Amino acid sequence: MPKMKTKKAAQKRFSVTGTGKLKRMKANKSHILEKKSPKRKRNLRKATLVDKTKEKNYKQAMPYL
């Protein structure tokens, strides 16, 4: 049986916490920043956890977490 391949796009976007949950960065921080408030931009810097409903699919994309 050959080795399973990791989806590189998923590997670049997600990391695993100590408890096994997936961590991701928030979207909407790359452009059109003038109209966004400083508070909103500051909160977009922080990482957040992946939703439970999608976590299983993302973990299948990365079999060697």
PDB file of N, CA and C in Angstrom:
ATOM      1  N   MET A   1       0.850  -1.187   0.000  1.00  0.00           N
ATOM      2  CA  MET A   1       0.000   0.000   0.000  1.00  0.00           C
ATOM      3  C   MET A   1       0.892   1.245   0.000  1.00  0.00           C
ATOM      4  N   PRO A   2       0.684   2.160  -0.950  1.00  0.00           N
ATOM      5  CA  PRO A   2       1.527   3.356  -0.986  1.00  0.00           C
ATOM      6  C   PRO A   2       1.182   4.323   0.144  1.00  0.00           C
ATOM      7  N   LYS A   3       2.113   5.219   0.390  1.00  0.00           N
ATOM      8  CA  LYS A   3       1.875   6.229   1.408  1.00  0.00           C
ATOM      9  C   LYS A   3       0.773   7.182   0.955  1.00  0.00           C
ATOM     10  N   MET A   4       0.025   7.711   1.917  1.00  0.00           N
ATOM     11  CA  MET A   4      -1.004   8.700   1.597  1.00  0.00           C
ATOM     12  C   MET A   4      -0.330  10.069   1.478  1.00  0.00           C
ATOM     13  N   LYS A   5      -0.840  10.882   0.563  1.00  0.00           N
ATOM     14  CA  LYS A   5      -0.251  12.201   0.366  1.00  0.00           C
ATOM     15  C   LYS A   5      -1.043  13.261   1.128  1.00  0.00           C
ATOM     16  N   THR A   6      -0.312  14.216   1.675  1.00  0.00           N
ATOM     17  CA  THR A   6      -0.918  15.359   2.340  1.00  0.00           C
ATOM     18  C   THR A   6      -1.296  16.389   1.293  1.00  0.00           C
ATOM     19  N   LYS A   7      -2.480  16.987   1.441  1.00  0.00           N
ATOM     20  CA  LYS A   7      -2.873  18.092   0.570  1.00  0.00           C
ATOM     21  C   LYS A   7      -2.111  19.328   1.026  1.00  0.00           C
ATOM     22  N   LYS A   8      -1.209  19.818   0.182  1.00  0.00           N
ATOM     23  CA  LYS A   8      -0.321  20.901   0.573  1.00  0.00           C
ATOM     24  C   LYS A   8      -1.070  22.196   0.851  1.00  0.00           C
ATOM     25  N   ALA A   9      -2.162  22.436   0.167  1.00  0.00           N
ATOM     26  CA  ALA A   9      -2.946  23.654   0.418  1.00  0.00           C
ATOM     27  C   ALA A   9      -3.490  23.648   1.844  1.00  0.00           C
ATOM     28  N   ALA A  10      -3.938  22.501   2.308  1.00  0.00           N
ATOM     29  CA  ALA A  10      -4.461  22.386   3.672  1.00  0.00           C
ATOM     30  C   ALA A  10      -3.326  22.506   4.685  1.00  0.00           C
ATOM     31  N   GLN A  11      -2.185  21.930   4.367  1.00  0.00           N
ATOM     32  CA  GLN A  11      -1.048  21.960   5.287  1.00  0.00           C
ATOM     33  C   GLN A  11      -0.574  23.391   5.535  1.00  0.00           C
ATOM     34  N   LYS A  12      -0.652  24.234   4.502  1.00  0.00           N
ATOM     35  CA  LYS A  12      -0.209  25.615   4.645  1.00  0.00           C
ATOM     36  C   LYS A  12      -1.206  26.454   5.440  1.00  0.00           C
ATOM     37  N   ARG A  13      -2.474  26.063   5.445  1.00  0.00           N
ATOM     38  CA  ARG A  13      -3.518  26.885   6.062  1.00  0.00           C
ATOM     39  C   ARG A  13      -3.847  26.515   7.499  1.00  0.00           C
ATOM     40  N   PHE A  14      -3.613  25.271   7.886  1.00  0.00           N
ATOM     41  CA  PHE A  14      -4.046  24.812   9.200  1.00  0.00           C
ATOM     42  C   PHE A  14      -2.871  24.298  10.016  1.00  0.00           C
ATOM     43  N   SER A  15      -2.984  24.477  11.328  1.00  0.00           N
ATOM     44  CA  SER A  15      -2.042  23.854  12.247  1.00  0.00           C
ATOM     45  C   SER A  15      -2.848  23.227  13.375  1.00  0.00           C
ATOM     46  N   VAL A  16      -2.213  22.328  14.106  1.00  0.00           N
ATOM     47  CA  VAL A  16      -2.916  21.567  15.127  1.00  0.00           C
ATOM     48  C   VAL A  16      -2.572  22.105  16.503  1.00  0.00           C
ATOM     49  N   THR A  17      -3.572  22.223  17.363  1.00  0.00           N
ATOM     50  CA  THR A  17      -3.347  22.644  18.738  1.00  0.00           C
ATOM     51  C   THR A  17      -2.920  21.440  19.575  1.00  0.00           C
ATOM     52  N   GLY A  18      -2.603  21.669  20.805  1.00  0.00           N
ATOM     53  CA  GLY A  18      -2.182  20.587  21.688  1.00  0.00           C
ATOM     54  C   GLY A  18      -3.273  19.574  21.946  1.00  0.00           C
ATOM     55  N   THR A  19      -4.525  20.013  21.866  1.00  0.00           N
ATOM     56  CA  THR A  19      -5.648  19.093  22.111  1.00  0.00           C
ATOM     57  C   THR A  19      -6.149  18.440  20.834  1.00  0.00           C
ATOM     58  N   GLY A  20      -5.503  18.721  19.689  1.00  0.00           N
ATOM     59  CA  GLY A  20      -5.872  18.060  18.443  1.00  0.00           C
ATOM     60  C   GLY A  20      -6.866  18.819  17.586  1.00  0.00           C
ATOM     61  N   LYS A  21      -7.212  20.041  17.983  1.00  0.00           N
ATOM     62  CA  LYS A  21      -8.128  20.836  17.165  1.00  0.00           C
ATOM     63  C   LYS A  21      -7.334  21.562  16.083  1.00  0.00           C
ATOM     64  N   LEU A  22      -8.021  21.983  15.020  1.00  0.00           N
ATOM     65  CA  LEU A  22      -7.357  22.693  13.932  1.00  0.00           C
ATOM     66  C   LEU A  22      -7.471  24.197  14.135  1.00  0.00           C
ATOM     67  N   LYS A  23      -6.355  24.874  13.905  1.00  0.00           N
ATOM     68  CA  LYS A  23      -6.294  26.319  14.058  1.00  0.00           C
ATOM     69  C   LYS A  23      -6.107  26.941  12.675  1.00  0.00           C
ATOM     70  N   ARG A  24      -6.761  28.086  12.433  1.00  0.00           N
ATOM     71  CA  ARG A  24      -6.646  28.763  11.149  1.00  0.00           C
ATOM     72  C   ARG A  24      -6.616  30.266  11.372  1.00  0.00           C
ATOM     73  N   MET A  25      -6.122  30.988  10.367  1.00  0.00           N
ATOM     74  CA  MET A  25      -6.152  32.441  10.415  1.00  0.00           C
ATOM     75  C   MET A  25      -7.459  32.921   9.775  1.00  0.00           C
ATOM     76  N   LYS A  26      -7.871  34.127  10.139  1.00  0.00           N
ATOM     77  CA  LYS A  26      -9.127  34.673   9.624  1.00  0.00           C
ATOM     78  C   LYS A  26      -8.925  35.294   8.246  1.00  0.00           C
ATOM     79  N   ALA A  27      -9.999  35.362   7.484  1.00  0.00           N
ATOM     80  CA  ALA A  27      -9.966  35.928   6.136  1.00  0.00           C
ATOM     81  C   ALA A  27     -10.209  37.438   6.183  1.00  0.00           C
ATOM     82  N   ASN A  28     -10.127  38.083   5.031  1.00  0.00           N
ATOM     83  CA  ASN A  28     -10.460  39.504   4.828  1.00  0.00           C
ATOM     84  C   ASN A  28      -9.444  40.461   5.427  1.00  0.00           C
ATOM     85  N   LYS A  29      -8.163  40.073   5.469  1.00  0.00           N
ATOM     86  CA  LYS A  29      -7.134  40.957   6.009  1.00  0.00           C
ATOM     87  C   LYS A  29      -6.114  41.341   4.943  1.00  0.00           C
ATOM     88  N   SER A  30      -6.370  41.000   3.675  1.00  0.00           N
ATOM     89  CA  SER A  30      -5.339  41.210   2.662  1.00  0.00           C
ATOM     90  C   SER A  30      -5.476  42.509   1.884  1.00  0.00           C
ATOM     91  N   HIS A  31      -6.677  42.978   1.621  1.00  0.00           N
ATOM     92  CA  HIS A  31      -6.825  44.232   0.881  1.00  0.00           C
ATOM     93  C   HIS A  31      -8.156  44.890   1.241  1.00  0.00           C
ATOM     94  N   ILE A  32      -8.379  46.092   0.702  1.00  0.00           N
ATOM     95  CA  ILE A  32      -9.551  46.933   1.011  1.00  0.00           C
ATOM     96  C   ILE A  32      -9.632  47.146   2.525  1.00  0.00           C
ATOM     97  N   LEU A  33      -8.532  47.655   3.092  1.00  0.00           N
ATOM     98  CA  LEU A  33      -8.456  47.805   4.541  1.00  0.00           C
ATOM     99  C   LEU A  33      -8.862  49.193   5.020  1.00  0.00           C
ATOM    100  N   GLU A  34      -8.972  50.152   4.106  1.00  0.00           N
ATOM    101  CA  GLU A  34      -9.296  51.521   4.516  1.00  0.00           C
ATOM    102  C   GLU A  34     -10.663  51.622   5.166  1.00  0.00           C
ATOM    103  N   LYS A  35     -11.620  50.912   4.624  1.00  0.00           N
ATOM    104  CA  LYS A  35     -12.989  51.033   5.137  1.00  0.00           C
ATOM    105  C   LYS A  35     -13.243  50.188   6.383  1.00  0.00           C
ATOM    106  N   LYS A  36     -12.299  49.340   6.727  1.00  0.00           N
ATOM    107  CA  LYS A  36     -12.460  48.501   7.920  1.00  0.00           C
ATOM    108  C   LYS A  36     -11.925  49.252   9.135  1.00  0.00           C
ATOM    109  N   SER A  37     -12.621  49.114  10.237  1.00  0.00           N
ATOM    110  CA  SER A  37     -12.230  49.837  11.444  1.00  0.00           C
ATOM    111  C   SER A  37     -10.969  49.206  12.049  1.00  0.00           C
ATOM    112  N   PRO A  38     -10.214  49.984  12.822  1.00  0.00           N
ATOM    113  CA  PRO A  38      -9.013  49.438  13.465  1.00  0.00           C
ATOM    114  C   PRO A  38      -9.326  48.247  14.367  1.00  0.00           C
ATOM    115  N   LYS A  39     -10.453  48.299  15.040  1.00  0.00           N
ATOM    116  CA  LYS A  39     -10.840  47.188  15.915  1.00  0.00           C
ATOM    117  C   LYS A  39     -11.064  45.914  15.108  1.00  0.00           C
ATOM    118  N   ARG A  40     -11.743  46.072  13.966  1.00  0.00           N
ATOM    119  CA  ARG A  40     -12.014  44.915  13.110  1.00  0.00           C
ATOM    120  C   ARG A  40     -10.717  44.328  12.562  1.00  0.00           C
ATOM    121  N   LYS A  41      -9.819  45.182  12.099  1.00  0.00           N
ATOM    122  CA  LYS A  41      -8.541  44.706  11.560  1.00  0.00           C
ATOM    123  C   LYS A  41      -7.691  44.038  12.635  1.00  0.00           C
ATOM    124  N   ARG A  42      -7.742  44.575  13.845  1.00  0.00           N
ATOM    125  CA  ARG A  42      -6.990  43.996  14.960  1.00  0.00           C
ATOM    126  C   ARG A  42      -7.498  42.601  15.287  1.00  0.00           C
ATOM    127  N   ASN A  43      -8.819  42.416  15.252  1.00  0.00           N
ATOM    128  CA  ASN A  43      -9.398  41.106  15.544  1.00  0.00           C
ATOM    129  C   ASN A  43      -9.142  40.094  14.421  1.00  0.00           C
ATOM    130  N   LEU A  44      -8.935  40.573  13.203  1.00  0.00           N
ATOM    131  CA  LEU A  44      -8.639  39.669  12.094  1.00  0.00           C
ATOM    132  C   LEU A  44      -7.226  39.093  12.181  1.00  0.00           C
ATOM    133  N   ARG A  45      -6.358  39.708  12.989  1.00  0.00           N
ATOM    134  CA  ARG A  45      -4.997  39.193  13.145  1.00  0.00           C
ATOM    135  C   ARG A  45      -4.956  37.891  13.919  1.00  0.00           C
ATOM    136  N   LYS A  46      -5.928  37.689  14.783  1.00  0.00           N
ATOM    137  CA  LYS A  46      -5.897  36.539  15.690  1.00  0.00           C
ATOM    138  C   LYS A  46      -6.308  35.252  14.981  1.00  0.00           C
ATOM    139  N   ALA A  47      -5.745  34.169  15.432  1.00  0.00           N
ATOM    140  CA  ALA A  47      -6.125  32.853  14.904  1.00  0.00           C
ATOM    141  C   ALA A  47      -7.417  32.395  15.569  1.00  0.00           C
ATOM    142  N   THR A  48      -8.099  31.472  14.920  1.00  0.00           N
ATOM    143  CA  THR A  48      -9.331  30.917  15.478  1.00  0.00           C
ATOM    144  C   THR A  48      -9.380  29.431  15.157  1.00  0.00           C
ATOM    145  N   LEU A  49     -10.323  28.732  15.740  1.00  0.00           N
ATOM    146  CA  LEU A  49     -10.442  27.292  15.517  1.00  0.00           C
ATOM    147  C   LEU A  49     -11.363  27.000  14.342  1.00  0.00           C
ATOM    148  N   VAL A  50     -11.109  25.886  13.679  1.00  0.00           N
ATOM    149  CA  VAL A  50     -11.952  25.442  12.573  1.00  0.00           C
ATOM    150  C   VAL A  50     -13.266  24.911  13.142  1.00  0.00           C
ATOM    151  N   ASP A  51     -14.356  25.145  12.426  1.00  0.00           N
ATOM    152  CA  ASP A  51     -15.672  24.672  12.848  1.00  0.00           C
ATOM    153  C   ASP A  51     -15.690  23.143  12.923  1.00  0.00           C
ATOM    154  N   LYS A  52     -16.394  22.607  13.919  1.00  0.00           N
ATOM    155  CA  LYS A  52     -16.441  21.154  14.124  1.00  0.00           C
ATOM    156  C   LYS A  52     -16.987  20.412  12.919  1.00  0.00           C
ATOM    157  N   THR A  53     -17.937  21.020  12.207  1.00  0.00           N
ATOM    158  CA  THR A  53     -18.566  20.330  11.078  1.00  0.00           C
ATOM    159  C   THR A  53     -17.596  20.117   9.924  1.00  0.00           C
ATOM    160  N   LYS A  54     -16.566  20.950   9.812  1.00  0.00           N
ATOM    161  CA  LYS A  54     -15.603  20.843   8.705  1.00  0.00           C
ATOM    162  C   LYS A  54     -14.290  20.202   9.120  1.00  0.00           C
ATOM    163  N   GLU A  55     -14.091  20.056  10.427  1.00  0.00           N
ATOM    164  CA  GLU A  55     -12.807  19.581  10.931  1.00  0.00           C
ATOM    165  C   GLU A  55     -12.454  18.188  10.414  1.00  0.00           C
ATOM    166  N   LYS A  56     -13.414  17.309  10.315  1.00  0.00           N
ATOM    167  CA  LYS A  56     -13.171  15.934   9.855  1.00  0.00           C
ATOM    168  C   LYS A  56     -12.638  15.929   8.424  1.00  0.00           C
ATOM    169  N   ASN A  57     -13.242  16.739   7.553  1.00  0.00           N
ATOM    170  CA  ASN A  57     -12.804  16.791   6.157  1.00  0.00           C
ATOM    171  C   ASN A  57     -11.377  17.320   6.043  1.00  0.00           C
ATOM    172  N   TYR A  58     -11.058  18.345   6.811  1.00  0.00           N
ATOM    173  CA  TYR A  58      -9.725  18.922   6.739  1.00  0.00           C
ATOM    174  C   TYR A  58      -8.678  17.964   7.277  1.00  0.00           C
ATOM    175  N   LYS A  59      -9.024  17.201   8.296  1.00  0.00           N
ATOM    176  CA  LYS A  59      -8.073  16.237   8.852  1.00  0.00           C
ATOM    177  C   LYS A  59      -7.815  15.089   7.880  1.00  0.00           C
ATOM    178  N   GLN A  60      -8.820  14.735   7.065  1.00  0.00           N
ATOM    179  CA  GLN A  60      -8.607  13.706   6.047  1.00  0.00           C
ATOM    180  C   GLN A  60      -7.629  14.174   4.990  1.00  0.00           C
ATOM    181  N   ALA A  61      -7.587  15.482   4.741  1.00  0.00           N
ATOM    182  CA  ALA A  61      -6.659  16.041   3.767  1.00  0.00           C
ATOM    183  C   ALA A  61      -5.229  16.010   4.279  1.00  0.00           C
ATOM    184  N   MET A  62      -5.075  15.877   5.599  1.00  0.00           N
ATOM    185  CA  MET A  62      -3.733  15.850   6.215  1.00  0.00           C
ATOM    186  C   MET A  62      -3.615  14.620   7.099  1.00  0.00           C
ATOM    187  N   PRO A  63      -3.332  13.461   6.536  1.00  0.00           N
ATOM    188  CA  PRO A  63      -3.358  12.217   7.304  1.00  0.00           C
ATOM    189  C   PRO A  63      -2.238  12.097   8.333  1.00  0.00           C
ATOM    190  N   TYR A  64      -1.164  12.882   8.203  1.00  0.00           N
ATOM    191  CA  TYR A  64      -0.020  12.718   9.105  1.00  0.00           C
ATOM    192  C   TYR A  64       0.113  13.879  10.070  1.00  0.00           C
ATOM    193  N   LEU A  65      -0.968  14.326  10.648  1.00  0.00           N
ATOM    194  CA  LEU A  65      -0.916  15.429  11.611  1.00  0.00           C
ATOM    195  C   LEU A  65      -0.172  15.022  12.864  1.00  0.00           C
TER     196      LEU A  65
END
